[in-house]
Amino acid sequence: MRTVYFDHAATTPMDERVLEAMMPYLKDNYGNANSAHHLGQKTKVVVEDAREKVAAMIGAEPSEIVFTSGGTESDNAVIKGVLAVSGDKNEVVTSEIEHHAVLHTVEMEKMRGIKPVFARPDETGMITASAVRETITEKTALVSLMHVNNEIGSINPLKEIAEVCNEFDVPFHSDTVQSLGKLPVNVKDLGVDFLCGSAHKIYGPKGTGIMYVKNGARWVPWMIGGSQERRRRGGTLNVPGIVGFTKALELAVDEMEAHIAQFKKLRSLLLDQLKDKLSVDVTVNGPQKDGVPHIINLSFSNDDDKHIDGEMLLLNLDIEGICVSNGSACTSGAVEPSHVLAGIGIEPNLANSSIRVSLGKQNTEEDIFYFVEKLNAVLSRMFNIA
């Protein structure tokens, strides 16, 4: 059976060039980078070289890069580390459409008296600088807003938000898991104090990420252990993963322009095909033109305003070899709408009928044609269209 993978916002297949770069450190160069002997020092040199390369690619200093296990750890570390030294400031400005790595971390901090304050997104899912300005008070300890939304592809204006944060002397953290390597990301241009990224979103290995901590930022480590990462993150360094992350980011940055052009072309083709070929109505949720081109969130209905179950749609497409995702979460046996779609005002029935198509560099026009053909057949069955 043919497989079409349209779930690259969840994870990406590892690039062969990344695996090739990692192999020596999975086999022969296995030394602990914190060991004093020659095998350890050899890998230590590799790690520091990777740190310099990563820093250069995002406009940072090598001393500002901390290697982690991925975006979730990095988000946790930033939020908990900032709040640990926030004194009597106990408010975190974020949004209700953030990734759960941020939302659940802030929620847990409520037990220590932290209060989440939500900046409201517009109907496309973008958080404006003015929306952030309205939420900041003298009690604000941190602003945490993602760069690109993982479900609908909206892009937040980080530079403008950073200017507001600087005006009020509030640190600014951004989860850039969905933008790093896919959009230009330069910490000096964006003005962020903290930034997080993950290798497996850019054709690198799972279990590896970075945290950017601006020199001078008030923050304390969250993961305590040995002296690794200048005591900013304990634990034995994942040398193969660090090498893989660096190679994946190099490739992503070098090939970014070509991939953006490819995704724009495929997105346009997909939307045209959906309009021409589907026997039901389709709604694009989120930004129509100003978001990232590789994430498309779709909902389906018919003339009688009947909706279908997005989870069942996903499973039926999977039977046809098509891998997509949706934003629904099963809680206590009840399927609830995506918190992102609910957060931008999509009504529950339409939100429950949604799927996310996220394109990758291996995808082709033939994949689009196959997907639309199978999607139309599945939807026709689900809506009982003869």
Protein backbone atom coordinates (compact mmCIF):
# COMPACT_ATOMS: atom_id res chain seq x y z
CA MET A 1 0.00 0.00 0.00
CA ARG A 2 1.19 3.48 -0.83
CA THR A 3 2.06 5.70 2.12
CA VAL A 4 1.73 9.48 1.98
CA TYR A 5 3.17 11.22 5.02
CA PHE A 6 1.58 14.59 5.76
CA ASP A 7 2.45 14.88 9.46
CA HIS A 8 5.78 16.72 9.38
CA ALA A 9 4.70 19.18 12.07
CA ALA A 10 4.62 16.19 14.44
CA THR A 11 7.96 14.74 13.37
CA THR A 12 10.10 14.33 10.28
CA PRO A 13 12.04 11.38 8.87
CA MET A 14 15.75 11.66 9.49
CA ASP A 15 17.77 12.96 6.57
CA GLU A 16 20.36 10.41 5.40
CA ARG A 17 23.02 13.12 5.53
CA VAL A 18 22.23 13.69 9.19
CA LEU A 19 22.50 9.98 9.98
CA GLU A 20 25.81 9.83 8.15
CA ALA A 21 27.17 12.69 10.25
CA MET A 22 26.03 10.96 13.45
CA MET A 23 27.37 7.47 12.74
CA PRO A 24 30.97 7.98 13.92
CA TYR A 25 29.63 9.10 17.31
CA LEU A 26 27.26 6.17 17.57
CA LYS A 27 30.09 3.70 16.95
CA ASP A 28 33.75 4.57 17.40
CA ASN A 29 33.81 8.03 19.02
CA TYR A 30 31.79 7.09 22.09
CA GLY A 31 33.67 9.00 24.79
CA ASN A 32 31.82 11.00 27.46
CA ALA A 33 32.42 14.65 26.59
CA ASN A 34 33.07 15.41 30.26
CA SER A 35 35.78 12.78 30.67
CA ALA A 36 39.39 13.91 30.93
CA HIS A 37 40.90 11.17 28.77
CA HIS A 38 41.53 11.52 25.06
CA LEU A 39 38.28 9.83 23.98
CA GLY A 40 36.28 12.22 26.10
CA GLN A 41 38.21 15.27 25.00
CA LYS A 42 37.75 14.29 21.37
CA THR A 43 33.99 14.37 21.71
CA LYS A 44 34.14 17.54 23.81
CA VAL A 45 35.81 19.32 20.89
CA VAL A 46 33.00 18.08 18.61
CA VAL A 47 30.33 19.38 21.00
CA GLU A 48 31.93 22.82 21.27
CA ASP A 49 32.31 23.02 17.51
CA ALA A 50 28.60 22.19 17.19
CA ARG A 51 27.76 24.86 19.75
CA GLU A 52 29.64 27.48 17.73
CA LYS A 53 27.90 26.45 14.52
CA VAL A 54 24.42 26.50 16.05
CA ALA A 55 25.09 29.87 17.67
CA ALA A 56 26.26 31.36 14.39
CA MET A 57 23.16 30.14 12.57
CA ILE A 58 20.78 31.89 14.97
CA GLY A 59 22.86 35.01 15.67
CA ALA A 60 23.80 34.01 19.22
CA GLU A 61 27.02 33.60 21.18
CA PRO A 62 28.23 30.03 21.78
CA SER A 63 27.97 30.67 25.53
CA GLU A 64 24.22 31.25 25.07
CA ILE A 65 23.47 27.79 23.62
CA VAL A 66 22.42 24.92 25.90
CA PHE A 67 21.87 21.46 24.42
CA THR A 68 18.78 19.66 25.75
CA SER A 69 16.58 16.67 25.01
CA GLY A 70 14.16 18.71 22.90
CA GLY A 71 11.56 21.44 22.85
CA THR A 72 9.52 20.24 25.82
CA GLU A 73 12.49 20.13 28.17
CA SER A 74 13.67 23.52 26.92
CA ASP A 75 10.25 25.14 27.43
CA ASN A 76 10.03 23.68 30.94
CA ALA A 77 13.56 24.78 31.79
CA VAL A 78 13.02 28.37 30.65
CA ILE A 79 9.68 28.88 32.38
CA LYS A 80 10.62 27.21 35.65
CA GLY A 81 14.07 28.78 35.64
CA VAL A 82 12.75 32.32 35.17
CA LEU A 83 9.96 31.97 37.72
CA ALA A 84 12.38 30.60 40.31
CA VAL A 85 14.07 34.02 40.47
CA SER A 86 11.09 36.26 39.75
CA GLY A 87 10.63 37.43 43.34
CA ASP A 88 7.19 38.91 43.96
CA LYS A 89 6.36 38.97 40.25
CA ASN A 90 3.95 36.09 39.75
CA GLU A 91 2.24 36.54 36.37
CA VAL A 92 3.11 34.78 33.10
CA VAL A 93 1.71 36.25 29.91
CA THR A 94 1.05 33.53 27.36
CA SER A 95 -1.89 32.48 25.15
CA GLU A 96 -4.49 29.76 25.22
CA ILE A 97 -3.25 28.41 21.88
CA GLU A 98 0.32 27.62 22.95
CA HIS A 99 1.83 24.14 22.83
CA HIS A 100 1.05 22.09 25.92
CA ALA A 101 4.75 22.09 26.81
CA VAL A 102 4.15 25.73 27.75
CA LEU A 103 0.52 25.62 28.89
CA HIS A 104 0.90 22.63 31.19
CA THR A 105 4.13 23.98 32.68
CA VAL A 106 2.46 27.30 33.52
CA GLU A 107 -0.55 25.40 34.88
CA MET A 108 1.70 23.41 37.23
CA GLU A 109 3.31 26.63 38.44
CA LYS A 110 -0.10 27.81 39.67
CA MET A 111 0.48 25.59 42.71
CA ARG A 112 3.28 27.99 43.66
CA GLY A 113 1.09 31.04 43.25
CA ILE A 114 1.88 31.79 39.61
CA LYS A 115 -1.00 33.33 37.64
CA PRO A 116 -1.33 32.79 33.88
CA VAL A 117 -2.54 35.79 31.91
CA PHE A 118 -3.71 35.09 28.37
CA ALA A 119 -3.10 37.41 25.44
CA ARG A 120 -5.96 37.01 22.98
CA PRO A 121 -5.16 35.84 19.43
CA ASP A 122 -6.95 37.29 16.42
CA GLU A 123 -9.11 35.08 14.21
CA THR A 124 -6.02 33.87 12.32
CA GLY A 125 -4.23 32.80 15.49
CA MET A 126 -1.73 35.66 15.61
CA ILE A 127 -0.89 37.39 18.89
CA THR A 128 -0.24 41.07 18.19
CA ALA A 129 2.12 43.31 20.12
CA SER A 130 -0.84 45.42 21.21
CA ALA A 131 -2.55 42.33 22.65
CA VAL A 132 0.59 41.65 24.70
CA ARG A 133 0.79 45.26 25.84
CA GLU A 134 -2.74 45.00 27.23
CA THR A 135 -1.77 42.05 29.45
CA ILE A 136 1.55 43.21 30.95
CA THR A 137 1.48 44.58 34.49
CA GLU A 138 4.04 45.34 37.19
CA LYS A 139 3.54 41.70 38.30
CA THR A 140 4.54 40.17 34.95
CA ALA A 141 7.51 37.84 35.40
CA LEU A 142 7.67 36.41 31.86
CA VAL A 143 6.07 36.57 28.43
CA SER A 144 6.01 33.19 26.66
CA LEU A 145 4.60 33.07 23.12
CA MET A 146 5.44 30.68 20.29
CA HIS A 147 6.80 31.82 16.94
CA VAL A 148 4.71 29.53 14.70
CA ASN A 149 1.57 27.76 15.86
CA ASN A 150 1.94 24.01 15.41
CA GLU A 151 -1.72 23.37 14.51
CA ILE A 152 -2.67 26.24 12.19
CA GLY A 153 0.65 27.75 11.10
CA SER A 154 0.07 31.34 12.23
CA ILE A 155 3.20 33.46 12.75
CA ASN A 156 3.58 35.76 15.73
CA PRO A 157 5.45 39.09 15.24
CA LEU A 158 8.21 38.32 17.75
CA LYS A 159 10.24 41.46 17.08
CA GLU A 160 7.30 43.76 17.84
CA ILE A 161 6.36 41.72 20.91
CA ALA A 162 9.98 41.85 22.12
CA GLU A 163 9.93 45.64 21.85
CA VAL A 164 6.93 45.76 24.17
CA CYS A 165 8.62 43.38 26.60
CA ASN A 166 11.78 45.50 26.59
CA GLU A 167 9.72 48.61 27.27
CA PHE A 168 8.41 47.01 30.45
CA ASP A 169 11.66 45.18 31.29
CA VAL A 170 9.98 41.76 31.09
CA PRO A 171 11.91 38.71 29.78
CA PHE A 172 10.55 37.17 26.58
CA HIS A 173 10.59 33.45 25.77
CA SER A 174 9.53 31.93 22.46
CA ASP A 175 9.01 28.30 21.53
CA THR A 176 10.45 28.25 18.00
CA VAL A 177 10.12 24.50 17.46
CA GLN A 178 7.96 25.02 14.36
CA SER A 179 10.00 27.89 12.90
CA LEU A 180 13.66 27.06 13.52
CA GLY A 181 15.10 25.88 10.21
CA LYS A 182 11.86 26.73 8.40
CA LEU A 183 11.87 30.52 8.73
CA PRO A 184 14.76 32.92 9.29
CA VAL A 185 15.42 32.87 13.06
CA ASN A 186 17.99 35.31 14.45
CA VAL A 187 17.83 36.03 18.16
CA LYS A 188 19.23 39.54 17.79
CA ASP A 189 16.73 40.47 15.09
CA LEU A 190 13.83 38.92 17.00
CA GLY A 191 14.86 40.35 20.36
CA VAL A 192 14.04 37.26 22.41
CA ASP A 193 15.72 36.43 25.72
CA PHE A 194 14.99 32.70 25.52
CA LEU A 195 14.35 30.43 22.55
CA CYS A 196 13.76 26.69 22.15
CA GLY A 197 14.24 24.29 19.25
CA SER A 198 14.02 20.57 18.46
CA ALA A 199 15.99 18.42 16.02
CA HIS A 200 13.26 15.99 15.01
CA LYS A 201 11.17 18.76 13.45
CA ILE A 202 13.94 19.45 10.91
CA TYR A 203 14.89 15.92 9.78
CA GLY A 204 17.23 15.36 12.72
CA PRO A 205 17.21 12.83 15.57
CA LYS A 206 14.54 12.64 18.24
CA GLY A 207 15.57 13.44 21.79
CA THR A 208 17.80 16.43 21.00
CA GLY A 209 17.12 20.15 21.18
CA ILE A 210 18.51 23.50 22.16
CA MET A 211 17.72 26.28 24.58
CA TYR A 212 18.99 29.78 23.92
CA VAL A 213 19.59 31.76 27.11
CA LYS A 214 20.64 35.34 26.49
CA ASN A 215 23.76 36.31 28.39
CA GLY A 216 22.73 38.25 31.46
CA ALA A 217 19.14 36.95 31.52
CA ARG A 218 17.79 36.23 35.01
CA TRP A 219 17.35 32.48 35.06
CA VAL A 220 18.51 29.45 37.04
CA PRO A 221 18.94 25.85 35.81
CA TRP A 222 16.04 23.47 36.15
CA MET A 223 17.81 20.12 35.54
CA ILE A 224 20.48 19.72 38.20
CA GLY A 225 23.30 17.20 38.04
CA GLY A 226 26.94 17.41 37.06
CA SER A 227 28.88 20.29 35.59
CA GLN A 228 27.72 19.71 32.01
CA GLU A 229 26.70 22.71 29.93
CA ARG A 230 28.41 25.11 32.34
CA ARG A 231 26.10 23.78 35.09
CA ARG A 232 23.05 24.95 33.17
CA ARG A 233 21.77 21.48 32.35
CA GLY A 234 22.95 18.34 34.14
CA GLY A 235 23.26 14.99 32.41
CA THR A 236 25.66 13.23 30.06
CA LEU A 237 25.77 15.01 26.73
CA ASN A 238 24.08 13.28 23.80
CA VAL A 239 26.99 13.71 21.41
CA PRO A 240 25.45 11.86 18.42
CA GLY A 241 22.24 13.84 18.88
CA ILE A 242 24.10 17.15 19.14
CA VAL A 243 26.01 16.36 15.95
CA GLY A 244 22.74 15.37 14.26
CA PHE A 245 20.94 18.50 15.39
CA THR A 246 23.74 20.70 14.06
CA LYS A 247 23.85 18.96 10.71
CA ALA A 248 20.05 19.05 10.39
CA LEU A 249 19.97 22.77 11.14
CA GLU A 250 22.79 23.45 8.64
CA LEU A 251 20.87 21.63 5.93
CA ALA A 252 17.58 23.31 6.85
CA VAL A 253 19.10 26.78 6.74
CA ASP A 254 20.92 26.11 3.46
CA GLU A 255 17.82 24.65 1.78
CA MET A 256 15.19 26.88 3.41
CA GLU A 257 14.44 29.08 0.41
CA ALA A 258 13.93 26.09 -1.87
CA HIS A 259 11.69 24.33 0.66
CA ILE A 260 9.52 27.40 1.22
CA ALA A 261 8.99 27.69 -2.53
CA GLN A 262 8.16 23.98 -2.73
CA PHE A 263 5.63 24.20 0.11
CA LYS A 264 3.93 27.25 -1.37
CA LYS A 265 3.50 25.42 -4.66
CA LEU A 266 2.14 22.27 -3.00
CA ARG A 267 -0.17 24.26 -0.72
CA SER A 268 -1.64 26.12 -3.68
CA LEU A 269 -2.16 22.86 -5.56
CA LEU A 270 -3.79 21.24 -2.52
CA LEU A 271 -6.24 24.08 -1.97
CA ASP A 272 -7.13 24.19 -5.67
CA GLN A 273 -7.70 20.42 -5.74
CA LEU A 274 -9.84 20.53 -2.61
CA LYS A 275 -12.00 23.24 -4.13
CA ASP A 276 -12.38 21.41 -7.44
CA LYS A 277 -12.63 17.77 -6.36
CA LEU A 278 -14.33 17.54 -2.96
CA SER A 279 -18.02 16.74 -2.77
CA VAL A 280 -18.33 18.56 0.60
CA ASP A 281 -17.45 22.01 1.91
CA VAL A 282 -13.93 22.64 3.19
CA THR A 283 -12.82 25.38 5.57
CA VAL A 284 -9.21 26.44 6.07
CA ASN A 285 -8.71 27.24 9.74
CA GLY A 286 -6.23 29.93 10.71
CA PRO A 287 -4.28 32.17 8.35
CA GLN A 288 -5.21 32.07 4.69
CA LYS A 289 -2.00 33.57 3.31
CA ASP A 290 0.26 35.02 6.03
CA GLY A 291 1.10 31.81 7.88
CA VAL A 292 3.78 29.24 7.14
CA PRO A 293 3.04 27.40 3.89
CA HIS A 294 3.63 23.87 5.16
CA ILE A 295 0.83 23.70 7.77
CA ILE A 296 -2.80 23.58 6.57
CA ASN A 297 -5.66 22.97 9.01
CA LEU A 298 -8.90 21.85 7.39
CA SER A 299 -12.48 21.25 8.52
CA PHE A 300 -15.32 19.66 6.56
CA SER A 301 -19.12 20.02 6.41
CA ASN A 302 -21.94 19.65 3.91
CA ASP A 303 -24.87 21.77 2.75
CA ASP A 304 -27.02 20.56 5.66
CA ASP A 305 -24.33 21.82 8.06
CA LYS A 306 -23.58 18.23 9.01
CA HIS A 307 -20.13 17.58 10.42
CA ILE A 308 -18.04 14.46 10.77
CA ASP A 309 -15.68 13.18 13.45
CA GLY A 310 -12.12 14.25 12.67
CA GLU A 311 -10.71 11.31 14.61
CA MET A 312 -12.66 8.87 12.44
CA LEU A 313 -11.57 10.76 9.34
CA LEU A 314 -7.95 10.44 10.43
CA LEU A 315 -8.32 6.69 11.00
CA ASN A 316 -10.06 6.15 7.65
CA LEU A 317 -7.31 8.06 5.85
CA ASP A 318 -4.74 5.95 7.66
CA ILE A 319 -6.37 2.84 6.22
CA GLU A 320 -5.68 4.37 2.81
CA GLY A 321 -2.01 4.91 3.74
CA ILE A 322 -2.33 8.65 4.41
CA CYS A 323 -0.79 10.00 7.62
CA VAL A 324 -2.27 13.26 8.92
CA SER A 325 -3.16 14.45 12.40
CA ASN A 326 -5.79 16.46 14.21
CA GLY A 327 -5.85 18.61 17.29
CA SER A 328 -8.43 16.66 19.26
CA ALA A 329 -7.58 15.22 22.63
CA CYS A 330 -9.41 12.32 24.25
CA THR A 331 -10.15 13.13 27.88
CA SER A 332 -12.12 10.67 30.02
CA GLY A 333 -13.48 9.05 26.89
CA ALA A 334 -14.82 12.29 25.43
CA VAL A 335 -13.26 13.83 22.34
CA GLU A 336 -12.80 17.55 22.84
CA PRO A 337 -12.09 20.14 20.16
CA SER A 338 -8.55 21.34 19.62
CA HIS A 339 -7.69 24.02 22.18
CA VAL A 340 -6.09 26.01 19.35
CA LEU A 341 -9.19 26.01 17.16
CA ALA A 342 -11.38 26.78 20.16
CA GLY A 343 -9.00 29.60 21.05
CA ILE A 344 -9.49 31.34 17.69
CA GLY A 345 -13.27 31.00 17.81
CA ILE A 346 -13.91 27.96 15.59
CA GLU A 347 -17.24 26.48 16.65
CA PRO A 348 -16.99 23.00 18.26
CA ASN A 349 -18.61 20.90 15.51
CA LEU A 350 -16.36 22.38 12.85
CA ALA A 351 -13.31 22.10 15.11
CA ASN A 352 -14.08 18.45 15.78
CA SER A 353 -14.11 17.74 12.05
CA SER A 354 -10.61 19.11 11.53
CA ILE A 355 -7.37 17.55 10.35
CA ARG A 356 -3.91 19.06 10.01
CA VAL A 357 -1.92 18.50 6.82
CA SER A 358 1.75 19.37 7.30
CA LEU A 359 4.01 19.14 4.28
CA GLY A 360 7.61 17.97 4.10
CA LYS A 361 10.45 18.13 1.65
CA GLN A 362 9.81 14.61 0.31
CA ASN A 363 6.23 15.43 -0.66
CA THR A 364 5.30 15.71 -4.34
CA GLU A 365 2.41 16.82 -6.51
CA GLU A 366 1.49 13.15 -6.92
CA ASP A 367 1.06 12.95 -3.14
CA ILE A 368 -1.41 15.82 -3.30
CA PHE A 369 -3.46 14.17 -6.07
CA TYR A 370 -3.52 10.84 -4.22
CA PHE A 371 -4.53 12.50 -0.94
CA VAL A 372 -7.40 14.48 -2.45
CA GLU A 373 -8.69 11.41 -4.30
CA LYS A 374 -8.73 9.28 -1.15
CA LEU A 375 -10.00 12.12 1.02
CA ASN A 376 -12.96 12.68 -1.28
CA ALA A 377 -13.81 8.97 -1.23
CA VAL A 378 -13.59 8.78 2.56
CA LEU A 379 -15.64 11.95 3.07
CA SER A 380 -18.29 10.75 0.64
CA ARG A 381 -18.71 7.60 2.70
CA MET A 382 -18.76 9.46 5.99
CA PHE A 383 -21.33 12.01 4.74
CA ASN A 384 -23.34 9.25 2.98
CA ILE A 385 -22.99 10.91 -0.40
CA ALA A 386 -24.04 8.61 -3.23
